[in-house]
Amino acid sequence: MHDIDYTGPQGGMMGMAFAGGWAIATALWLAVGGVIWRFFVEPRIKQLEKDRTDDQAKCREETDRLRDRILQLETLLMLHGPQQLRQAMQAVASEARVEIRELREEIKP
């Protein structure tokens, strides 16, 4: 049996063989990863983005409906609620308008 000289020419050939095998294996794994990404991950990402867009649209619609319902209920309370409740609601509405006005002034330079 021949001894291998790792520091001589045989060691260099072994290093080249190892590097060549490593490069081929790396290229193979990158190709497999690219195929998996292209056929499994990208379609799922696109589906999730579509689902998110649909959910956002549904949430906006639901928020608009709830906002309208809240306005209806506040109006009913203002018309048919007890006097103390109406006064409290008017005070809160006034404070809210003042806060909104102050925020708008802060935003405008």
Protein backbone atom coordinates (compact mmCIF):
# COMPACT_ATOMS: atom_id res chain seq x y z
CA MET A 1 0.00 0.00 0.00
CA HIS A 2 1.26 3.44 -0.90
CA ASP A 3 1.41 6.14 1.67
CA ILE A 4 -0.18 9.42 0.68
CA ASP A 5 1.91 12.54 1.09
CA TYR A 6 -0.63 15.17 2.17
CA THR A 7 1.85 18.02 1.87
CA GLY A 8 3.18 17.04 -1.54
CA PRO A 9 1.66 16.63 -4.98
CA GLN A 10 -0.76 13.95 -3.85
CA GLY A 11 -2.13 16.26 -1.15
CA GLY A 12 -2.69 18.97 -3.74
CA MET A 13 -4.57 16.55 -5.98
CA MET A 14 -6.71 15.48 -3.03
CA GLY A 15 -7.43 19.11 -2.26
CA MET A 16 -8.43 19.76 -5.86
CA ALA A 17 -10.67 16.66 -5.86
CA PHE A 18 -12.31 17.77 -2.62
CA ALA A 19 -12.84 21.32 -3.92
CA GLY A 20 -14.31 20.01 -7.17
CA GLY A 21 -16.69 17.70 -5.31
CA TRP A 22 -17.66 20.47 -2.92
CA ALA A 23 -18.37 22.85 -5.81
CA ILE A 24 -20.55 20.30 -7.60
CA ALA A 25 -22.43 19.43 -4.41
CA THR A 26 -23.00 23.11 -3.66
CA ALA A 27 -24.27 23.75 -7.17
CA LEU A 28 -26.61 20.76 -6.88
CA TRP A 29 -28.03 21.96 -3.56
CA LEU A 30 -28.47 25.49 -4.92
CA ALA A 31 -30.32 24.09 -7.93
CA VAL A 32 -32.55 21.96 -5.68
CA GLY A 33 -33.20 24.99 -3.47
CA GLY A 34 -34.08 27.09 -6.50
CA VAL A 35 -36.56 24.49 -7.73
CA ILE A 36 -38.16 24.19 -4.31
CA TRP A 37 -38.37 27.98 -4.03
CA ARG A 38 -39.82 28.42 -7.52
CA PHE A 39 -42.44 25.67 -7.34
CA PHE A 40 -43.44 25.70 -3.68
CA VAL A 41 -42.48 28.92 -1.92
CA GLU A 42 -43.19 31.61 -4.53
CA PRO A 43 -46.77 30.44 -5.24
CA ARG A 44 -47.47 30.32 -1.51
CA ILE A 45 -46.10 33.85 -1.05
CA LYS A 46 -48.30 35.12 -3.89
CA GLN A 47 -51.34 33.38 -2.38
CA LEU A 48 -50.64 34.89 1.04
CA GLU A 49 -50.24 38.37 -0.46
CA LYS A 50 -53.57 37.97 -2.27
CA ASP A 51 -55.22 36.74 0.94
CA ARG A 52 -53.79 39.71 2.86
CA THR A 53 -55.13 42.14 0.25
CA ASP A 54 -58.56 40.50 0.40
CA ASP A 55 -58.54 40.58 4.21
CA GLN A 56 -57.57 44.25 4.24
CA ALA A 57 -60.43 45.08 1.90
CA LYS A 58 -62.87 43.14 4.10
CA CYS A 59 -61.55 44.88 7.21
CA ARG A 60 -61.98 48.31 5.59
CA GLU A 61 -65.57 47.46 4.64
CA GLU A 62 -66.34 46.15 8.11
CA THR A 63 -64.75 49.20 9.73
CA ASP A 64 -66.84 51.51 7.55
CA ARG A 65 -70.02 49.62 8.44
CA LEU A 66 -69.19 49.70 12.15
CA ARG A 67 -68.35 53.41 12.01
CA ASP A 68 -71.72 54.11 10.39
CA ARG A 69 -73.48 51.98 13.01
CA ILE A 70 -71.72 53.82 15.82
CA LEU A 71 -72.86 57.14 14.37
CA GLN A 72 -76.42 55.83 14.19
CA LEU A 73 -76.34 54.66 17.80
CA GLU A 74 -74.80 57.91 19.01
CA THR A 75 -77.52 59.83 17.21
CA LEU A 76 -80.21 57.68 18.82
CA LEU A 77 -78.67 58.22 22.25
CA MET A 78 -78.50 61.97 21.66
CA LEU A 79 -82.17 62.05 20.66
CA HIS A 80 -83.66 59.61 23.15
CA GLY A 81 -81.16 59.37 25.99
CA PRO A 82 -81.44 61.12 29.35
CA GLN A 83 -80.36 64.73 29.66
CA GLN A 84 -77.20 63.93 31.64
CA LEU A 85 -76.08 61.47 28.97
CA ARG A 86 -76.65 64.02 26.20
CA GLN A 87 -74.63 66.63 28.06
CA ALA A 88 -71.79 64.15 28.62
CA MET A 89 -71.83 63.11 24.95
CA GLN A 90 -71.75 66.74 23.81
CA ALA A 91 -68.78 67.43 26.10
CA VAL A 92 -66.88 64.42 24.74
CA ALA A 93 -67.67 65.38 21.15
CA SER A 94 -66.45 68.91 21.81
CA GLU A 95 -63.21 67.65 23.36
CA ALA A 96 -62.67 65.30 20.43
CA ARG A 97 -63.10 68.15 17.96
CA VAL A 98 -60.58 70.27 19.87
CA GLU A 99 -58.06 67.39 19.89
CA ILE A 100 -58.55 66.82 16.16
CA ARG A 101 -58.05 70.50 15.46
CA GLU A 102 -54.84 70.54 17.52
CA LEU A 103 -53.51 67.46 15.72
CA ARG A 104 -54.24 69.02 12.35
CA GLU A 105 -52.39 72.18 13.36
CA GLU A 106 -49.39 70.09 14.45
CA ILE A 107 -49.32 68.25 11.14
CA LYS A 108 -49.50 71.40 9.00
CA PRO A 109 -46.14 73.22 9.07
